[in-house]
Amino acid sequence: MKTDDNLKAAFAGESQAYMRYLGFARAAEREGNKQVARLFRALAEAEKIHALNHLAVMGEVGKTEHNLSGGIDGETYEFTQMYPSFIAQAERDGNSRAALSFRGASTVEKIHGNLLKDALNNLGREKETAYYVCSVCGNTVAGDAPDKCPVCGAAREKSRLVE
């Protein structure tokens, strides 16, 4: 059905706009343009709402067990198929920065998959734990932040507690 395709396209577009505006906000902040950064963050928030509304209409969000399984499938695809092919292409193209970015993401996606598997295996009897995300590479750690990120080597101070 064409509307289903349109919902998927709208979700992808709104999701990308959300991230793009956050990137623009960072750049504006670095340049000292605080008001423009604030505007981009506000627009990003609106785009996120649009994306979440489309996702709900698409029926993509289910019960937690279903969502965990879907997350595992997505993360597994990324580190077993998507990123390996992206890395190989970047290397063929001589784009070492892209290859490095893809490698880091692939490593972290495998960690994400394992965190999701653990959550699924312990669903209903999970223990409360903190999660820290490295602001450099996205590495995600349950428990305490490491002194040094095992993926990119960033200092502990670069890890952010996620509430």
C-alpha atoms as a PDB file:
ATOM      1  CA  MET A   1       0.000   0.000   0.000  1.00  0.00           C
ATOM      2  CA  LYS A   2       1.384   3.397  -0.979  1.00  0.00           C
ATOM      3  CA  THR A   3       0.471   4.987   2.368  1.00  0.00           C
ATOM      4  CA  ASP A   4       2.632   2.422   4.172  1.00  0.00           C
ATOM      5  CA  ASP A   5       5.557   3.341   1.922  1.00  0.00           C
ATOM      6  CA  ASN A   6       4.863   7.016   2.566  1.00  0.00           C
ATOM      7  CA  LEU A   7       4.851   6.431   6.339  1.00  0.00           C
ATOM      8  CA  LYS A   8       8.228   4.693   6.092  1.00  0.00           C
ATOM      9  CA  ALA A   9       9.640   7.508   3.976  1.00  0.00           C
ATOM     10  CA  ALA A  10       8.248  10.148   6.333  1.00  0.00           C
ATOM     11  CA  PHE A  11       9.676   8.324   9.356  1.00  0.00           C
ATOM     12  CA  ALA A  12      13.103   8.118   7.702  1.00  0.00           C
ATOM     13  CA  GLY A  13      13.008  11.754   6.655  1.00  0.00           C
ATOM     14  CA  GLU A  14      11.888  13.036  10.053  1.00  0.00           C
ATOM     15  CA  SER A  15      14.482  10.851  11.811  1.00  0.00           C
ATOM     16  CA  GLN A  16      17.233  12.211   9.591  1.00  0.00           C
ATOM     17  CA  ALA A  17      16.044  15.786  10.087  1.00  0.00           C
ATOM     18  CA  TYR A  18      16.138  15.226  13.855  1.00  0.00           C
ATOM     19  CA  MET A  19      19.780  14.151  13.727  1.00  0.00           C
ATOM     20  CA  ARG A  20      20.752  16.767  11.169  1.00  0.00           C
ATOM     21  CA  TYR A  21      19.316  19.553  13.346  1.00  0.00           C
ATOM     22  CA  LEU A  22      21.154  18.237  16.401  1.00  0.00           C
ATOM     23  CA  GLY A  23      24.365  18.320  14.357  1.00  0.00           C
ATOM     24  CA  PHE A  24      23.581  21.858  13.219  1.00  0.00           C
ATOM     25  CA  ALA A  25      22.915  22.856  16.839  1.00  0.00           C
ATOM     26  CA  ARG A  26      26.334  21.528  17.898  1.00  0.00           C
ATOM     27  CA  ALA A  27      28.020  23.502  15.149  1.00  0.00           C
ATOM     28  CA  ALA A  28      26.131  26.688  16.047  1.00  0.00           C
ATOM     29  CA  GLU A  29      27.018  26.213  19.719  1.00  0.00           C
ATOM     30  CA  ARG A  30      30.724  25.783  18.879  1.00  0.00           C
ATOM     31  CA  GLU A  31      30.563  29.003  16.858  1.00  0.00           C
ATOM     32  CA  GLY A  32      28.980  30.856  19.779  1.00  0.00           C
ATOM     33  CA  ASN A  33      25.558  31.174  18.150  1.00  0.00           C
ATOM     34  CA  LYS A  34      23.541  30.083  21.179  1.00  0.00           C
ATOM     35  CA  GLN A  35      20.176  31.318  19.928  1.00  0.00           C
ATOM     36  CA  VAL A  36      20.561  29.514  16.598  1.00  0.00           C
ATOM     37  CA  ALA A  37      21.643  26.386  18.471  1.00  0.00           C
ATOM     38  CA  ARG A  38      18.527  26.651  20.626  1.00  0.00           C
ATOM     39  CA  LEU A  39      16.361  26.991  17.493  1.00  0.00           C
ATOM     40  CA  PHE A  40      17.944  23.902  15.921  1.00  0.00           C
ATOM     41  CA  ARG A  41      17.386  21.893  19.131  1.00  0.00           C
ATOM     42  CA  ALA A  42      13.730  22.998  19.182  1.00  0.00           C
ATOM     43  CA  LEU A  43      13.284  21.986  15.545  1.00  0.00           C
ATOM     44  CA  ALA A  44      14.999  18.673  16.262  1.00  0.00           C
ATOM     45  CA  GLU A  45      12.547  17.999  19.083  1.00  0.00           C
ATOM     46  CA  ALA A  46       9.618  18.678  16.730  1.00  0.00           C
ATOM     47  CA  GLU A  47      11.052  16.366  14.074  1.00  0.00           C
ATOM     48  CA  LYS A  48      11.484  13.646  16.722  1.00  0.00           C
ATOM     49  CA  ILE A  49       7.810  13.975  17.646  1.00  0.00           C
ATOM     50  CA  HIS A  50       6.829  13.631  13.976  1.00  0.00           C
ATOM     51  CA  ALA A  51       9.021  10.531  13.603  1.00  0.00           C
ATOM     52  CA  LEU A  52       7.592   8.910  16.745  1.00  0.00           C
ATOM     53  CA  ASN A  53       4.041   9.636  15.592  1.00  0.00           C
ATOM     54  CA  HIS A  54       4.732   7.997  12.215  1.00  0.00           C
ATOM     55  CA  LEU A  55       6.368   5.028  13.937  1.00  0.00           C
ATOM     56  CA  ALA A  56       3.281   4.531  16.111  1.00  0.00           C
ATOM     57  CA  VAL A  57       0.952   4.678  13.095  1.00  0.00           C
ATOM     58  CA  MET A  58       3.166   2.122  11.334  1.00  0.00           C
ATOM     59  CA  GLY A  59       2.648  -0.287  14.247  1.00  0.00           C
ATOM     60  CA  GLU A  60       6.385  -0.739  14.717  1.00  0.00           C
ATOM     61  CA  VAL A  61       6.289  -0.441  18.497  1.00  0.00           C
ATOM     62  CA  GLY A  62       4.971  -3.469  20.357  1.00  0.00           C
ATOM     63  CA  LYS A  63       5.421  -5.103  23.728  1.00  0.00           C
ATOM     64  CA  THR A  64       8.864  -5.008  25.292  1.00  0.00           C
ATOM     65  CA  GLU A  65       9.818  -8.565  24.288  1.00  0.00           C
ATOM     66  CA  HIS A  66       8.934  -7.810  20.656  1.00  0.00           C
ATOM     67  CA  ASN A  67      10.841  -4.514  20.796  1.00  0.00           C
ATOM     68  CA  LEU A  68      13.928  -6.170  22.281  1.00  0.00           C
ATOM     69  CA  SER A  69      13.876  -8.866  19.581  1.00  0.00           C
ATOM     70  CA  GLY A  70      13.525  -6.215  16.893  1.00  0.00           C
ATOM     71  CA  GLY A  71      16.417  -4.284  18.393  1.00  0.00           C
ATOM     72  CA  ILE A  72      18.584  -7.408  18.440  1.00  0.00           C
ATOM     73  CA  ASP A  73      17.757  -8.111  14.800  1.00  0.00           C
ATOM     74  CA  GLY A  74      18.573  -4.547  13.777  1.00  0.00           C
ATOM     75  CA  GLU A  75      21.848  -4.359  15.674  1.00  0.00           C
ATOM     76  CA  THR A  76      22.916  -7.803  14.428  1.00  0.00           C
ATOM     77  CA  TYR A  77      22.235  -6.806  10.819  1.00  0.00           C
ATOM     78  CA  GLU A  78      24.312  -3.662  11.265  1.00  0.00           C
ATOM     79  CA  PHE A  79      27.439  -5.343  12.635  1.00  0.00           C
ATOM     80  CA  THR A  80      27.258  -8.532  10.543  1.00  0.00           C
ATOM     81  CA  GLN A  81      26.153  -7.203   7.154  1.00  0.00           C
ATOM     82  CA  MET A  82      25.717  -3.452   6.807  1.00  0.00           C
ATOM     83  CA  TYR A  83      28.902  -2.089   8.346  1.00  0.00           C
ATOM     84  CA  PRO A  84      31.252  -4.759   6.969  1.00  0.00           C
ATOM     85  CA  SER A  85      30.117  -3.901   3.440  1.00  0.00           C
ATOM     86  CA  PHE A  86      30.339  -0.158   4.181  1.00  0.00           C
ATOM     87  CA  ILE A  87      33.876  -0.592   5.556  1.00  0.00           C
ATOM     88  CA  ALA A  88      34.967  -2.547   2.487  1.00  0.00           C
ATOM     89  CA  GLN A  89      33.515   0.093   0.153  1.00  0.00           C
ATOM     90  CA  ALA A  90      35.122   2.959   2.077  1.00  0.00           C
ATOM     91  CA  GLU A  91      38.469   1.186   1.868  1.00  0.00           C
ATOM     92  CA  ARG A  92      38.049   0.647  -1.896  1.00  0.00           C
ATOM     93  CA  ASP A  93      37.196   4.336  -2.222  1.00  0.00           C
ATOM     94  CA  GLY A  94      40.228   5.322  -0.140  1.00  0.00           C
ATOM     95  CA  ASN A  95      38.046   7.086   2.439  1.00  0.00           C
ATOM     96  CA  SER A  96      39.852   6.187   5.659  1.00  0.00           C
ATOM     97  CA  ARG A  97      37.747   8.570   7.793  1.00  0.00           C
ATOM     98  CA  ALA A  98      34.529   6.853   6.707  1.00  0.00           C
ATOM     99  CA  ALA A  99      36.085   3.412   7.233  1.00  0.00           C
ATOM    100  CA  LEU A 100      37.147   4.413  10.752  1.00  0.00           C
ATOM    101  CA  SER A 101      33.681   5.783  11.535  1.00  0.00           C
ATOM    102  CA  PHE A 102      32.032   2.615  10.210  1.00  0.00           C
ATOM    103  CA  ARG A 103      34.436   0.361  12.167  1.00  0.00           C
ATOM    104  CA  GLY A 104      33.725   2.162  15.420  1.00  0.00           C
ATOM    105  CA  ALA A 105      29.986   2.037  14.860  1.00  0.00           C
ATOM    106  CA  SER A 106      30.120  -1.651  13.963  1.00  0.00           C
ATOM    107  CA  THR A 107      32.008  -2.478  17.149  1.00  0.00           C
ATOM    108  CA  VAL A 108      29.496  -0.570  19.242  1.00  0.00           C
ATOM    109  CA  GLU A 109      26.479  -2.092  17.456  1.00  0.00           C
ATOM    110  CA  LYS A 110      27.704  -5.543  18.527  1.00  0.00           C
ATOM    111  CA  ILE A 111      27.858  -4.288  22.126  1.00  0.00           C
ATOM    112  CA  HIS A 112      24.323  -2.905  21.745  1.00  0.00           C
ATOM    113  CA  GLY A 113      23.132  -6.273  20.465  1.00  0.00           C
ATOM    114  CA  ASN A 114      24.619  -8.002  23.505  1.00  0.00           C
ATOM    115  CA  LEU A 115      23.005  -5.498  25.883  1.00  0.00           C
ATOM    116  CA  LEU A 116      19.640  -6.119  24.213  1.00  0.00           C
ATOM    117  CA  LYS A 117      20.108  -9.915  24.396  1.00  0.00           C
ATOM    118  CA  ASP A 118      20.904  -9.646  28.099  1.00  0.00           C
ATOM    119  CA  ALA A 119      17.803  -7.501  28.633  1.00  0.00           C
ATOM    120  CA  LEU A 120      15.632 -10.008  26.743  1.00  0.00           C
ATOM    121  CA  ASN A 121      17.096 -12.956  28.671  1.00  0.00           C
ATOM    122  CA  ASN A 122      16.448 -11.190  31.974  1.00  0.00           C
ATOM    123  CA  LEU A 123      13.098  -9.605  31.120  1.00  0.00           C
ATOM    124  CA  GLY A 124      10.955  -9.413  34.232  1.00  0.00           C
ATOM    125  CA  ARG A 125      13.851 -10.010  36.582  1.00  0.00           C
ATOM    126  CA  GLU A 126      16.262  -7.308  35.487  1.00  0.00           C
ATOM    127  CA  LYS A 127      18.252  -5.429  38.090  1.00  0.00           C
ATOM    128  CA  GLU A 128      18.407  -1.658  38.033  1.00  0.00           C
ATOM    129  CA  THR A 129      21.656  -0.484  36.527  1.00  0.00           C
ATOM    130  CA  ALA A 130      23.116   2.704  35.146  1.00  0.00           C
ATOM    131  CA  TYR A 131      24.100   3.064  31.499  1.00  0.00           C
ATOM    132  CA  TYR A 132      26.919   5.258  30.280  1.00  0.00           C
ATOM    133  CA  VAL A 133      27.424   6.266  26.657  1.00  0.00           C
ATOM    134  CA  CYS A 134      30.749   7.464  25.305  1.00  0.00           C
ATOM    135  CA  SER A 135      30.142  10.844  23.687  1.00  0.00           C
ATOM    136  CA  VAL A 136      32.937  10.169  21.185  1.00  0.00           C
ATOM    137  CA  CYS A 137      32.037   6.750  19.756  1.00  0.00           C
ATOM    138  CA  GLY A 138      28.698   5.774  21.295  1.00  0.00           C
ATOM    139  CA  ASN A 139      30.043   2.810  23.244  1.00  0.00           C
ATOM    140  CA  THR A 140      27.405   1.846  25.780  1.00  0.00           C
ATOM    141  CA  VAL A 141      28.296   0.356  29.151  1.00  0.00           C
ATOM    142  CA  ALA A 142      26.063  -1.065  31.867  1.00  0.00           C
ATOM    143  CA  GLY A 143      27.246  -0.170  35.347  1.00  0.00           C
ATOM    144  CA  ASP A 144      30.089   2.264  35.900  1.00  0.00           C
ATOM    145  CA  ALA A 145      31.786   4.199  33.136  1.00  0.00           C
ATOM    146  CA  PRO A 146      35.238   2.808  32.379  1.00  0.00           C
ATOM    147  CA  ASP A 147      38.314   4.941  33.037  1.00  0.00           C
ATOM    148  CA  LYS A 148      39.052   4.689  29.329  1.00  0.00           C
ATOM    149  CA  CYS A 149      36.588   3.761  26.564  1.00  0.00           C
ATOM    150  CA  PRO A 150      37.537   0.292  25.288  1.00  0.00           C
ATOM    151  CA  VAL A 151      36.396   1.209  21.770  1.00  0.00           C
ATOM    152  CA  CYS A 152      37.922   4.649  21.115  1.00  0.00           C
ATOM    153  CA  GLY A 153      40.151   5.292  24.135  1.00  0.00           C
ATOM    154  CA  ALA A 154      38.273   8.407  25.289  1.00  0.00           C
ATOM    155  CA  ALA A 155      38.666   9.422  28.924  1.00  0.00           C
ATOM    156  CA  ARG A 156      35.984   8.577  31.498  1.00  0.00           C
ATOM    157  CA  GLU A 157      34.838  12.217  31.469  1.00  0.00           C
ATOM    158  CA  LYS A 158      33.551  11.706  27.928  1.00  0.00           C
ATOM    159  CA  SER A 159      31.014   9.129  29.134  1.00  0.00           C
ATOM    160  CA  ARG A 160      27.522  10.422  29.847  1.00  0.00           C
ATOM    161  CA  LEU A 161      25.038   8.878  32.242  1.00  0.00           C
ATOM    162  CA  VAL A 162      21.755   8.127  30.468  1.00  0.00           C
ATOM    163  CA  GLU A 163      18.647   8.530  32.573  1.00  0.00           C
END
